[in-house]
Amino acid sequence: MEITEVKVYPFEPGDLQKNLKAYAEITLENVLILKGIKIFEKENGGIFISFPAIQGKDKTFHDIVVPKTSEMKKQIRDAVVGAYKKIK
């Protein structure tokens, strides 16, 4: 599945979630938009993403979007992190 577009929306979240630096959305094959990807930056400069999730009754978070293969997960991560680095 091809990622045809990546949009990154940076912001300054303040003290509440100081490591959260941006939200992102990707378009897959010009037919499906995936919104709600969070971009975090660690204090050491490392960047990671999290997929959209909801909080359950047990107060734990459960992913609502999960790539089925490690290759797809890597492709999404590389595209989102690459787009974030370009605007940073």
N, C-alpha and C. Protein backbone atom coordinates (compact mmCIF):
# COMPACT_ATOMS: atom_id res chain seq x y z
N MET A 1 0.84 -1.17 0.00
CA MET A 1 0.00 0.00 0.00
C MET A 1 0.89 1.23 0.00
N GLU A 2 0.61 2.15 -0.88
CA GLU A 2 1.46 3.32 -1.07
C GLU A 2 0.94 4.51 -0.27
N ILE A 3 1.85 5.20 0.41
CA ILE A 3 1.51 6.44 1.08
C ILE A 3 1.64 7.55 0.05
N THR A 4 0.54 8.21 -0.25
CA THR A 4 0.55 9.22 -1.31
C THR A 4 0.65 10.64 -0.80
N GLU A 5 0.40 10.85 0.50
CA GLU A 5 0.51 12.20 1.06
C GLU A 5 0.70 12.11 2.57
N VAL A 6 1.51 13.03 3.09
CA VAL A 6 1.71 13.15 4.53
C VAL A 6 1.57 14.62 4.90
N LYS A 7 0.74 14.90 5.91
CA LYS A 7 0.60 16.26 6.42
C LYS A 7 0.96 16.24 7.90
N VAL A 8 1.74 17.24 8.31
CA VAL A 8 2.17 17.35 9.70
C VAL A 8 1.68 18.69 10.24
N TYR A 9 1.13 18.65 11.45
CA TYR A 9 0.61 19.85 12.10
C TYR A 9 1.34 20.06 13.42
N PRO A 10 2.45 20.83 13.39
CA PRO A 10 3.22 21.05 14.62
C PRO A 10 2.53 22.07 15.54
N PHE A 11 2.81 21.96 16.81
CA PHE A 11 2.30 22.92 17.79
C PHE A 11 3.12 22.82 19.06
N GLU A 12 2.94 23.77 19.94
CA GLU A 12 3.60 23.75 21.24
C GLU A 12 2.56 23.39 22.30
N PRO A 13 2.60 22.20 22.85
CA PRO A 13 1.55 21.73 23.76
C PRO A 13 1.65 22.28 25.18
N GLY A 14 2.76 22.89 25.53
CA GLY A 14 2.93 23.36 26.91
C GLY A 14 3.45 22.27 27.81
N ASP A 15 3.24 22.44 29.10
CA ASP A 15 3.81 21.52 30.08
C ASP A 15 3.07 20.19 30.19
N LEU A 16 1.81 20.16 29.80
CA LEU A 16 1.01 18.96 30.00
C LEU A 16 1.59 17.74 29.28
N GLN A 17 1.89 17.90 28.02
CA GLN A 17 2.53 16.83 27.24
C GLN A 17 3.68 17.44 26.46
N LYS A 18 4.73 17.81 27.16
CA LYS A 18 5.81 18.57 26.53
C LYS A 18 6.53 17.80 25.43
N ASN A 19 6.46 16.47 25.42
CA ASN A 19 7.14 15.69 24.38
C ASN A 19 6.31 15.55 23.11
N LEU A 20 5.00 15.83 23.20
CA LEU A 20 4.14 15.78 22.01
C LEU A 20 4.40 17.02 21.18
N LYS A 21 4.87 16.85 19.95
CA LYS A 21 5.29 17.98 19.14
C LYS A 21 4.38 18.26 17.95
N ALA A 22 3.64 17.24 17.49
CA ALA A 22 2.82 17.46 16.29
C ALA A 22 1.82 16.32 16.14
N TYR A 23 0.82 16.59 15.32
CA TYR A 23 -0.08 15.55 14.85
C TYR A 23 0.19 15.37 13.36
N ALA A 24 -0.13 14.21 12.85
CA ALA A 24 0.07 13.95 11.42
C ALA A 24 -1.12 13.17 10.87
N GLU A 25 -1.28 13.29 9.57
CA GLU A 25 -2.24 12.46 8.85
C GLU A 25 -1.57 11.98 7.58
N ILE A 26 -1.92 10.77 7.18
CA ILE A 26 -1.37 10.22 5.95
C ILE A 26 -2.53 9.81 5.04
N THR A 27 -2.27 9.87 3.76
CA THR A 27 -3.22 9.39 2.77
C THR A 27 -2.63 8.15 2.13
N LEU A 28 -3.42 7.09 2.09
CA LEU A 28 -2.99 5.83 1.49
C LEU A 28 -3.66 5.66 0.14
N GLU A 29 -2.83 5.55 -0.88
CA GLU A 29 -3.26 5.30 -2.27
C GLU A 29 -4.38 6.25 -2.73
N ASN A 30 -4.33 7.49 -2.24
CA ASN A 30 -5.29 8.53 -2.62
C ASN A 30 -6.74 8.16 -2.32
N VAL A 31 -6.99 7.20 -1.43
CA VAL A 31 -8.36 6.80 -1.15
C VAL A 31 -8.70 6.72 0.34
N LEU A 32 -7.70 6.69 1.22
CA LEU A 32 -7.96 6.54 2.64
C LEU A 32 -7.06 7.50 3.41
N ILE A 33 -7.67 8.30 4.28
CA ILE A 33 -6.91 9.23 5.12
C ILE A 33 -6.91 8.71 6.54
N LEU A 34 -5.73 8.62 7.11
CA LEU A 34 -5.55 8.19 8.49
C LEU A 34 -5.13 9.41 9.30
N LYS A 35 -5.98 9.84 10.23
CA LYS A 35 -5.71 11.03 11.05
C LYS A 35 -5.41 10.61 12.48
N GLY A 36 -4.81 11.52 13.22
CA GLY A 36 -4.60 11.29 14.64
C GLY A 36 -3.30 10.64 15.02
N ILE A 37 -2.33 10.61 14.13
CA ILE A 37 -1.01 10.08 14.45
C ILE A 37 -0.29 11.16 15.27
N LYS A 38 0.26 10.76 16.41
CA LYS A 38 0.97 11.71 17.27
C LYS A 38 2.47 11.56 17.07
N ILE A 39 3.16 12.70 17.06
CA ILE A 39 4.61 12.70 16.92
C ILE A 39 5.21 13.21 18.23
N PHE A 40 6.07 12.39 18.82
CA PHE A 40 6.72 12.73 20.07
C PHE A 40 8.22 12.88 19.84
N GLU A 41 8.84 13.80 20.58
CA GLU A 41 10.28 13.97 20.52
C GLU A 41 10.84 13.82 21.93
N LYS A 42 11.75 12.89 22.08
CA LYS A 42 12.38 12.66 23.38
C LYS A 42 13.39 13.76 23.65
N GLU A 43 13.79 13.90 24.90
CA GLU A 43 14.78 14.91 25.28
C GLU A 43 16.12 14.69 24.60
N ASN A 44 16.44 13.44 24.27
CA ASN A 44 17.70 13.14 23.60
C ASN A 44 17.62 13.34 22.08
N GLY A 45 16.45 13.80 21.59
CA GLY A 45 16.30 14.07 20.16
C GLY A 45 15.63 12.96 19.37
N GLY A 46 15.41 11.82 20.00
CA GLY A 46 14.74 10.71 19.31
C GLY A 46 13.29 11.05 19.02
N ILE A 47 12.81 10.59 17.88
CA ILE A 47 11.44 10.87 17.45
C ILE A 47 10.70 9.54 17.32
N PHE A 48 9.48 9.49 17.85
CA PHE A 48 8.66 8.31 17.65
C PHE A 48 7.22 8.74 17.44
N ILE A 49 6.42 7.83 16.90
CA ILE A 49 5.02 8.13 16.62
C ILE A 49 4.13 7.15 17.38
N SER A 50 2.89 7.56 17.57
CA SER A 50 1.89 6.64 18.10
C SER A 50 0.66 6.73 17.22
N PHE A 51 0.03 5.61 17.04
CA PHE A 51 -1.17 5.55 16.21
C PHE A 51 -2.39 5.95 17.03
N PRO A 52 -3.49 6.30 16.38
CA PRO A 52 -4.69 6.69 17.10
C PRO A 52 -5.13 5.60 18.08
N ALA A 53 -5.57 6.05 19.27
CA ALA A 53 -5.98 5.12 20.31
C ALA A 53 -7.16 5.73 21.09
N ILE A 54 -7.89 4.86 21.76
CA ILE A 54 -8.96 5.32 22.64
C ILE A 54 -8.72 4.76 24.03
N GLN A 55 -9.24 5.47 25.02
CA GLN A 55 -9.08 5.02 26.39
C GLN A 55 -10.28 4.16 26.77
N GLY A 56 -9.98 2.99 27.27
CA GLY A 56 -11.04 2.08 27.67
C GLY A 56 -11.54 2.35 29.08
N LYS A 57 -12.55 1.60 29.48
CA LYS A 57 -13.11 1.74 30.83
C LYS A 57 -12.08 1.43 31.91
N ASP A 58 -11.10 0.61 31.54
CA ASP A 58 -10.05 0.25 32.49
C ASP A 58 -8.93 1.30 32.55
N LYS A 59 -9.14 2.44 31.87
CA LYS A 59 -8.21 3.58 31.86
C LYS A 59 -6.93 3.32 31.07
N THR A 60 -6.83 2.18 30.38
CA THR A 60 -5.68 1.93 29.52
C THR A 60 -6.06 2.31 28.09
N PHE A 61 -5.05 2.63 27.30
CA PHE A 61 -5.28 3.02 25.92
C PHE A 61 -5.17 1.82 25.00
N HIS A 62 -6.05 1.77 24.01
CA HIS A 62 -6.09 0.68 23.04
C HIS A 62 -5.99 1.27 21.64
N ASP A 63 -5.01 0.80 20.87
CA ASP A 63 -4.85 1.29 19.50
C ASP A 63 -6.09 0.96 18.69
N ILE A 64 -6.53 1.92 17.86
CA ILE A 64 -7.65 1.66 16.97
C ILE A 64 -7.19 1.52 15.53
N VAL A 65 -5.91 1.80 15.30
CA VAL A 65 -5.29 1.59 13.99
C VAL A 65 -4.00 0.83 14.24
N VAL A 66 -3.86 -0.31 13.58
CA VAL A 66 -2.66 -1.14 13.77
C VAL A 66 -2.21 -1.67 12.41
N PRO A 67 -0.99 -1.31 11.98
CA PRO A 67 -0.47 -1.90 10.74
C PRO A 67 -0.30 -3.41 10.93
N LYS A 68 -0.69 -4.17 9.93
CA LYS A 68 -0.62 -5.63 10.05
C LYS A 68 0.78 -6.19 9.83
N THR A 69 1.63 -5.43 9.15
CA THR A 69 2.99 -5.92 8.92
C THR A 69 4.01 -4.92 9.45
N SER A 70 5.16 -5.43 9.80
CA SER A 70 6.23 -4.54 10.27
C SER A 70 6.71 -3.63 9.14
N GLU A 71 6.62 -4.10 7.90
CA GLU A 71 7.03 -3.27 6.76
C GLU A 71 6.12 -2.05 6.62
N MET A 72 4.81 -2.26 6.79
CA MET A 72 3.88 -1.13 6.68
C MET A 72 4.09 -0.17 7.83
N LYS A 73 4.31 -0.69 9.03
CA LYS A 73 4.57 0.17 10.19
C LYS A 73 5.81 1.01 9.95
N LYS A 74 6.87 0.41 9.42
CA LYS A 74 8.11 1.14 9.14
C LYS A 74 7.89 2.18 8.05
N GLN A 75 7.14 1.84 7.02
CA GLN A 75 6.86 2.77 5.93
C GLN A 75 6.12 4.01 6.46
N ILE A 76 5.12 3.79 7.31
CA ILE A 76 4.37 4.91 7.88
C ILE A 76 5.27 5.74 8.78
N ARG A 77 6.02 5.09 9.64
CA ARG A 77 6.90 5.81 10.55
C ARG A 77 7.92 6.65 9.79
N ASP A 78 8.56 6.05 8.80
CA ASP A 78 9.58 6.77 8.03
C ASP A 78 8.98 7.97 7.30
N ALA A 79 7.79 7.81 6.74
CA ALA A 79 7.15 8.91 6.02
C ALA A 79 6.77 10.05 6.96
N VAL A 80 6.19 9.71 8.12
CA VAL A 80 5.76 10.74 9.07
C VAL A 80 6.97 11.44 9.69
N VAL A 81 7.95 10.69 10.14
CA VAL A 81 9.14 11.30 10.75
C VAL A 81 9.89 12.13 9.72
N GLY A 82 10.00 11.66 8.49
CA GLY A 82 10.66 12.43 7.44
C GLY A 82 9.96 13.74 7.17
N ALA A 83 8.64 13.73 7.13
CA ALA A 83 7.87 14.97 6.90
C ALA A 83 8.03 15.92 8.09
N TYR A 84 8.05 15.38 9.30
CA TYR A 84 8.22 16.20 10.49
C TYR A 84 9.60 16.87 10.49
N LYS A 85 10.63 16.12 10.15
CA LYS A 85 11.99 16.67 10.14
C LYS A 85 12.13 17.78 9.11
N LYS A 86 11.40 17.69 7.99
CA LYS A 86 11.47 18.74 6.97
C LYS A 86 10.93 20.07 7.46
N ILE A 87 9.90 20.03 8.30
CA ILE A 87 9.31 21.30 8.75
C ILE A 87 9.89 21.79 10.06
N LYS A 88 10.64 20.96 10.72
CA LYS A 88 11.21 21.32 12.04
C LYS A 88 12.31 22.32 11.95
